[in-house]
């Protein structure tokens, strides 16, 4: 499968909530392969379908030498939080301290429609939350505190890849600071 172009901040597809996958067919398997190859080529720890311009609820991950994917994820987050630098393939070269739940349990399906449960802590938990956010049209910069968001927007404006006017960044609308519903 060919490596695809990753959509960058400012592309409206990154702000559009993705639709649930209903058809577990050859097209979905091709999408998972494209996501995997593009993620590994970048390289990244995860990649969501909207980052390739596809509005479906599917992402791939590569954490601690474990390669996988999840379709239609539903998250159950632990209460303990972690804060660490987080970046995104849609924001090349940028990373900012971002709070996330330390533990996650995600349920969904694989590309064949079979049930999958994924549990992890630390980097895997961060990755699963980050990629699921992409499926909801939420970007990691939405999770930053006001001061860090201001620094992020300045860095975006100065980035080589940034072109045209920078869209407004929204703060997380959830009382849990976007950690989960």
C-alpha atoms as a PDB file:
ATOM      1  CA  UNK A   1       0.000   0.000   0.000  1.00  0.00           C
ATOM      2  CA  UNK A   2       1.251   3.499  -0.708  1.00  0.00           C
ATOM      3  CA  UNK A   3       2.229   5.960   1.995  1.00  0.00           C
ATOM      4  CA  UNK A   4      -0.347   8.750   2.108  1.00  0.00           C
ATOM      5  CA  UNK A   5       0.002  12.492   2.757  1.00  0.00           C
ATOM      6  CA  UNK A   6      -0.845  13.413   6.345  1.00  0.00           C
ATOM      7  CA  UNK A   7      -3.278  16.299   6.738  1.00  0.00           C
ATOM      8  CA  UNK A   8      -1.840  19.252   8.660  1.00  0.00           C
ATOM      9  CA  UNK A   9      -3.397  21.600  11.194  1.00  0.00           C
ATOM     10  CA  UNK A  10      -5.819  23.900   9.423  1.00  0.00           C
ATOM     11  CA  UNK A  11      -7.376  21.168   7.266  1.00  0.00           C
ATOM     12  CA  UNK A  12     -11.105  21.085   8.139  1.00  0.00           C
ATOM     13  CA  UNK A  13     -11.185  17.267   8.126  1.00  0.00           C
ATOM     14  CA  UNK A  14      -9.201  17.324  11.387  1.00  0.00           C
ATOM     15  CA  UNK A  15     -12.052  19.205  13.092  1.00  0.00           C
ATOM     16  CA  UNK A  16     -14.842  17.002  11.716  1.00  0.00           C
ATOM     17  CA  UNK A  17     -16.080  14.135  13.923  1.00  0.00           C
ATOM     18  CA  UNK A  18     -15.640  10.805  12.129  1.00  0.00           C
ATOM     19  CA  UNK A  19     -18.489   8.415  11.348  1.00  0.00           C
ATOM     20  CA  UNK A  20     -18.669   4.928  12.880  1.00  0.00           C
ATOM     21  CA  UNK A  21     -17.428   2.116  10.662  1.00  0.00           C
ATOM     22  CA  UNK A  22     -20.363  -0.005   9.520  1.00  0.00           C
ATOM     23  CA  UNK A  23     -18.804  -2.003   6.675  1.00  0.00           C
ATOM     24  CA  UNK A  24     -15.921  -4.281   7.596  1.00  0.00           C
ATOM     25  CA  UNK A  25     -14.880  -4.854   4.009  1.00  0.00           C
ATOM     26  CA  UNK A  26     -11.865  -4.773   1.725  1.00  0.00           C
ATOM     27  CA  UNK A  27     -11.903  -0.959   1.677  1.00  0.00           C
ATOM     28  CA  UNK A  28     -11.542  -0.871   5.468  1.00  0.00           C
ATOM     29  CA  UNK A  29      -8.673  -3.361   5.365  1.00  0.00           C
ATOM     30  CA  UNK A  30      -6.969  -1.202   2.728  1.00  0.00           C
ATOM     31  CA  UNK A  31      -7.464   1.884   4.922  1.00  0.00           C
ATOM     32  CA  UNK A  32      -5.892   0.106   7.922  1.00  0.00           C
ATOM     33  CA  UNK A  33      -2.907  -0.898   5.760  1.00  0.00           C
ATOM     34  CA  UNK A  34      -2.532   2.657   4.437  1.00  0.00           C
ATOM     35  CA  UNK A  35      -2.734   4.068   7.971  1.00  0.00           C
ATOM     36  CA  UNK A  36      -0.159   1.564   9.214  1.00  0.00           C
ATOM     37  CA  UNK A  37       2.337   2.179   6.414  1.00  0.00           C
ATOM     38  CA  UNK A  38       1.959   5.955   6.642  1.00  0.00           C
ATOM     39  CA  UNK A  39       2.334   5.908  10.450  1.00  0.00           C
ATOM     40  CA  UNK A  40       5.462   3.740  10.288  1.00  0.00           C
ATOM     41  CA  UNK A  41       6.968   5.875   7.515  1.00  0.00           C
ATOM     42  CA  UNK A  42       6.363   9.171   9.375  1.00  0.00           C
ATOM     43  CA  UNK A  43       7.335   7.688  11.975  1.00  0.00           C
ATOM     44  CA  UNK A  44       4.629   8.063  14.597  1.00  0.00           C
ATOM     45  CA  UNK A  45       3.090   6.271  17.569  1.00  0.00           C
ATOM     46  CA  UNK A  46      -0.402   6.504  16.122  1.00  0.00           C
ATOM     47  CA  UNK A  47      -2.419   7.740  13.163  1.00  0.00           C
ATOM     48  CA  UNK A  48      -6.169   8.289  12.819  1.00  0.00           C
ATOM     49  CA  UNK A  49      -8.167   8.010   9.597  1.00  0.00           C
ATOM     50  CA  UNK A  50      -9.084  11.744   9.547  1.00  0.00           C
ATOM     51  CA  UNK A  51      -5.359  12.516   9.333  1.00  0.00           C
ATOM     52  CA  UNK A  52      -5.478  10.867   5.890  1.00  0.00           C
ATOM     53  CA  UNK A  53      -8.690  12.704   5.024  1.00  0.00           C
ATOM     54  CA  UNK A  54     -10.982   9.750   5.757  1.00  0.00           C
ATOM     55  CA  UNK A  55     -13.898  10.437   8.105  1.00  0.00           C
ATOM     56  CA  UNK A  56     -14.150   6.995   9.697  1.00  0.00           C
ATOM     57  CA  UNK A  57     -13.592   5.939  13.330  1.00  0.00           C
ATOM     58  CA  UNK A  58     -10.401   3.916  12.940  1.00  0.00           C
ATOM     59  CA  UNK A  59      -6.809   4.419  14.047  1.00  0.00           C
ATOM     60  CA  UNK A  60      -3.517   2.539  14.098  1.00  0.00           C
ATOM     61  CA  UNK A  61      -0.846   2.527  16.786  1.00  0.00           C
ATOM     62  CA  UNK A  62       2.757   1.429  17.240  1.00  0.00           C
ATOM     63  CA  UNK A  63       3.820   1.583  20.892  1.00  0.00           C
ATOM     64  CA  UNK A  64       6.508  -0.486  22.621  1.00  0.00           C
ATOM     65  CA  UNK A  65       6.977  -2.595  19.482  1.00  0.00           C
ATOM     66  CA  UNK A  66       3.264  -3.490  19.440  1.00  0.00           C
ATOM     67  CA  UNK A  67       1.556  -2.673  16.154  1.00  0.00           C
ATOM     68  CA  UNK A  68      -2.221  -2.604  16.016  1.00  0.00           C
ATOM     69  CA  UNK A  69      -5.414  -0.847  15.093  1.00  0.00           C
ATOM     70  CA  UNK A  70      -8.821  -0.161  16.599  1.00  0.00           C
ATOM     71  CA  UNK A  71     -12.143   0.496  14.902  1.00  0.00           C
ATOM     72  CA  UNK A  72     -15.028   2.344  16.607  1.00  0.00           C
ATOM     73  CA  UNK A  73     -13.173   2.830  19.923  1.00  0.00           C
ATOM     74  CA  UNK A  74     -14.969   3.457  23.193  1.00  0.00           C
ATOM     75  CA  UNK A  75     -12.722   4.541  26.061  1.00  0.00           C
ATOM     76  CA  UNK A  76     -12.828   3.932  29.791  1.00  0.00           C
ATOM     77  CA  UNK A  77     -10.209   6.104  31.482  1.00  0.00           C
ATOM     78  CA  UNK A  78      -8.556   5.770  34.847  1.00  0.00           C
ATOM     79  CA  UNK A  79      -8.716   8.678  37.281  1.00  0.00           C
ATOM     80  CA  UNK A  80      -4.951   9.089  37.709  1.00  0.00           C
ATOM     81  CA  UNK A  81      -3.441  11.631  35.327  1.00  0.00           C
ATOM     82  CA  UNK A  82      -0.071  12.037  33.674  1.00  0.00           C
ATOM     83  CA  UNK A  83       1.419  15.094  32.028  1.00  0.00           C
ATOM     84  CA  UNK A  84       4.074  14.715  29.382  1.00  0.00           C
ATOM     85  CA  UNK A  85       5.132  16.263  26.111  1.00  0.00           C
ATOM     86  CA  UNK A  86       2.784  15.273  23.323  1.00  0.00           C
ATOM     87  CA  UNK A  87       3.136  15.851  19.623  1.00  0.00           C
ATOM     88  CA  UNK A  88       1.128  15.021  16.539  1.00  0.00           C
ATOM     89  CA  UNK A  89       1.932  14.106  12.944  1.00  0.00           C
ATOM     90  CA  UNK A  90      -0.498  16.877  11.907  1.00  0.00           C
ATOM     91  CA  UNK A  91       1.755  19.368  13.773  1.00  0.00           C
ATOM     92  CA  UNK A  92       5.230  18.317  12.532  1.00  0.00           C
ATOM     93  CA  UNK A  93       8.045  19.037  14.948  1.00  0.00           C
ATOM     94  CA  UNK A  94       5.887  20.493  17.726  1.00  0.00           C
ATOM     95  CA  UNK A  95       5.254  19.045  21.194  1.00  0.00           C
ATOM     96  CA  UNK A  96       3.714  20.500  24.331  1.00  0.00           C
ATOM     97  CA  UNK A  97       2.985  19.232  27.864  1.00  0.00           C
ATOM     98  CA  UNK A  98      -0.473  17.678  27.765  1.00  0.00           C
ATOM     99  CA  UNK A  99      -2.499  16.060  30.544  1.00  0.00           C
ATOM    100  CA  UNK A 100      -4.010  12.655  29.866  1.00  0.00           C
ATOM    101  CA  UNK A 101      -5.338   9.758  31.895  1.00  0.00           C
ATOM    102  CA  UNK A 102      -2.534   7.409  32.931  1.00  0.00           C
ATOM    103  CA  UNK A 103      -4.601   4.273  32.206  1.00  0.00           C
ATOM    104  CA  UNK A 104      -7.039   3.424  29.430  1.00  0.00           C
ATOM    105  CA  UNK A 105      -9.258   0.524  28.518  1.00  0.00           C
ATOM    106  CA  UNK A 106     -10.544   0.757  24.968  1.00  0.00           C
ATOM    107  CA  UNK A 107     -13.106  -1.501  23.344  1.00  0.00           C
ATOM    108  CA  UNK A 108     -13.971  -1.668  19.672  1.00  0.00           C
ATOM    109  CA  UNK A 109     -13.415  -3.964  16.716  1.00  0.00           C
ATOM    110  CA  UNK A 110     -10.593  -5.042  14.469  1.00  0.00           C
ATOM    111  CA  UNK A 111     -10.735  -4.609  10.690  1.00  0.00           C
ATOM    112  CA  UNK A 112     -12.737  -7.844  10.394  1.00  0.00           C
ATOM    113  CA  UNK A 113     -15.437  -6.667  12.819  1.00  0.00           C
ATOM    114  CA  UNK A 114     -14.306  -8.917  15.669  1.00  0.00           C
ATOM    115  CA  UNK A 115     -14.449  -7.466  19.219  1.00  0.00           C
ATOM    116  CA  UNK A 116     -11.178  -6.086  20.596  1.00  0.00           C
ATOM    117  CA  UNK A 117     -10.186  -4.826  24.046  1.00  0.00           C
ATOM    118  CA  UNK A 118      -7.011  -2.801  24.414  1.00  0.00           C
ATOM    119  CA  UNK A 119      -5.660  -1.907  27.850  1.00  0.00           C
ATOM    120  CA  UNK A 120      -2.589   0.143  28.618  1.00  0.00           C
ATOM    121  CA  UNK A 121      -0.868   2.798  30.647  1.00  0.00           C
ATOM    122  CA  UNK A 122       1.547   5.645  30.024  1.00  0.00           C
ATOM    123  CA  UNK A 123       2.457   5.982  26.314  1.00  0.00           C
ATOM    124  CA  UNK A 124      -0.149   3.507  25.056  1.00  0.00           C
ATOM    125  CA  UNK A 125      -2.844   5.241  27.118  1.00  0.00           C
ATOM    126  CA  UNK A 126      -1.715   8.630  25.784  1.00  0.00           C
ATOM    127  CA  UNK A 127      -1.686   7.356  22.198  1.00  0.00           C
ATOM    128  CA  UNK A 128      -5.154   5.777  22.389  1.00  0.00           C
ATOM    129  CA  UNK A 129      -6.625   8.964  23.895  1.00  0.00           C
ATOM    130  CA  UNK A 130      -4.860  11.168  21.330  1.00  0.00           C
ATOM    131  CA  UNK A 131      -6.039   9.110  18.350  1.00  0.00           C
ATOM    132  CA  UNK A 132      -9.592   8.804  19.682  1.00  0.00           C
ATOM    133  CA  UNK A 133      -9.621  12.590  20.055  1.00  0.00           C
ATOM    134  CA  UNK A 134      -8.834  12.828  16.326  1.00  0.00           C
ATOM    135  CA  UNK A 135     -11.933  10.730  15.655  1.00  0.00           C
ATOM    136  CA  UNK A 136     -13.970  13.267  17.643  1.00  0.00           C
ATOM    137  CA  UNK A 137     -12.492  16.299  15.829  1.00  0.00           C
ATOM    138  CA  UNK A 138     -10.413  17.257  18.883  1.00  0.00           C
ATOM    139  CA  UNK A 139      -6.715  18.110  18.585  1.00  0.00           C
ATOM    140  CA  UNK A 140      -4.119  17.831  21.333  1.00  0.00           C
ATOM    141  CA  UNK A 141      -3.665  21.613  21.392  1.00  0.00           C
ATOM    142  CA  UNK A 142      -7.305  21.878  22.495  1.00  0.00           C
ATOM    143  CA  UNK A 143      -6.243  20.149  25.720  1.00  0.00           C
ATOM    144  CA  UNK A 144      -3.458  22.611  26.572  1.00  0.00           C
ATOM    145  CA  UNK A 145      -3.821  25.180  29.334  1.00  0.00           C
ATOM    146  CA  UNK A 146      -4.153  28.783  28.207  1.00  0.00           C
ATOM    147  CA  UNK A 147      -0.443  29.650  28.477  1.00  0.00           C
ATOM    148  CA  UNK A 148       0.689  26.518  26.621  1.00  0.00           C
ATOM    149  CA  UNK A 149      -1.992  27.027  23.944  1.00  0.00           C
ATOM    150  CA  UNK A 150      -0.690  30.557  23.366  1.00  0.00           C
ATOM    151  CA  UNK A 151       2.861  29.183  22.951  1.00  0.00           C
ATOM    152  CA  UNK A 152       1.554  26.464  20.622  1.00  0.00           C
ATOM    153  CA  UNK A 153      -0.234  28.949  18.383  1.00  0.00           C
ATOM    154  CA  UNK A 154       2.923  31.066  18.140  1.00  0.00           C
ATOM    155  CA  UNK A 155       4.968  27.973  17.217  1.00  0.00           C
ATOM    156  CA  UNK A 156       2.367  26.979  14.599  1.00  0.00           C
ATOM    157  CA  UNK A 157       2.465  30.426  12.981  1.00  0.00           C
ATOM    158  CA  UNK A 158       6.278  30.200  12.826  1.00  0.00           C
ATOM    159  CA  UNK A 159       6.415  26.597  11.548  1.00  0.00           C
ATOM    160  CA  UNK A 160       7.709  25.988   8.012  1.00  0.00           C
ATOM    161  CA  UNK A 161       4.721  23.790   7.208  1.00  0.00           C
ATOM    162  CA  UNK A 162       2.203  26.399   8.328  1.00  0.00           C
ATOM    163  CA  UNK A 163       0.498  28.129   5.461  1.00  0.00           C
ATOM    164  CA  UNK A 164      -2.290  30.647   5.357  1.00  0.00           C
ATOM    165  CA  UNK A 165      -4.306  31.872   8.294  1.00  0.00           C
ATOM    166  CA  UNK A 166      -4.258  29.721  11.414  1.00  0.00           C
ATOM    167  CA  UNK A 167      -7.745  28.624  12.470  1.00  0.00           C
ATOM    168  CA  UNK A 168      -8.941  29.333  15.984  1.00  0.00           C
ATOM    169  CA  UNK A 169      -8.121  26.712  18.596  1.00  0.00           C
ATOM    170  CA  UNK A 170     -10.968  25.790  20.851  1.00  0.00           C
ATOM    171  CA  UNK A 171     -10.673  24.830  24.462  1.00  0.00           C
ATOM    172  CA  UNK A 172     -12.053  21.447  25.417  1.00  0.00           C
ATOM    173  CA  UNK A 173     -15.815  21.795  25.984  1.00  0.00           C
ATOM    174  CA  UNK A 174     -15.921  18.940  28.484  1.00  0.00           C
ATOM    175  CA  UNK A 175     -15.850  19.384  32.241  1.00  0.00           C
ATOM    176  CA  UNK A 176     -13.221  16.638  32.368  1.00  0.00           C
ATOM    177  CA  UNK A 177     -10.860  18.800  30.264  1.00  0.00           C
ATOM    178  CA  UNK A 178     -11.594  16.443  27.408  1.00  0.00           C
ATOM    179  CA  UNK A 179     -10.238  13.337  29.114  1.00  0.00           C
ATOM    180  CA  UNK A 180     -13.448  11.381  28.577  1.00  0.00           C
ATOM    181  CA  UNK A 181     -17.186  11.486  28.826  1.00  0.00           C
END
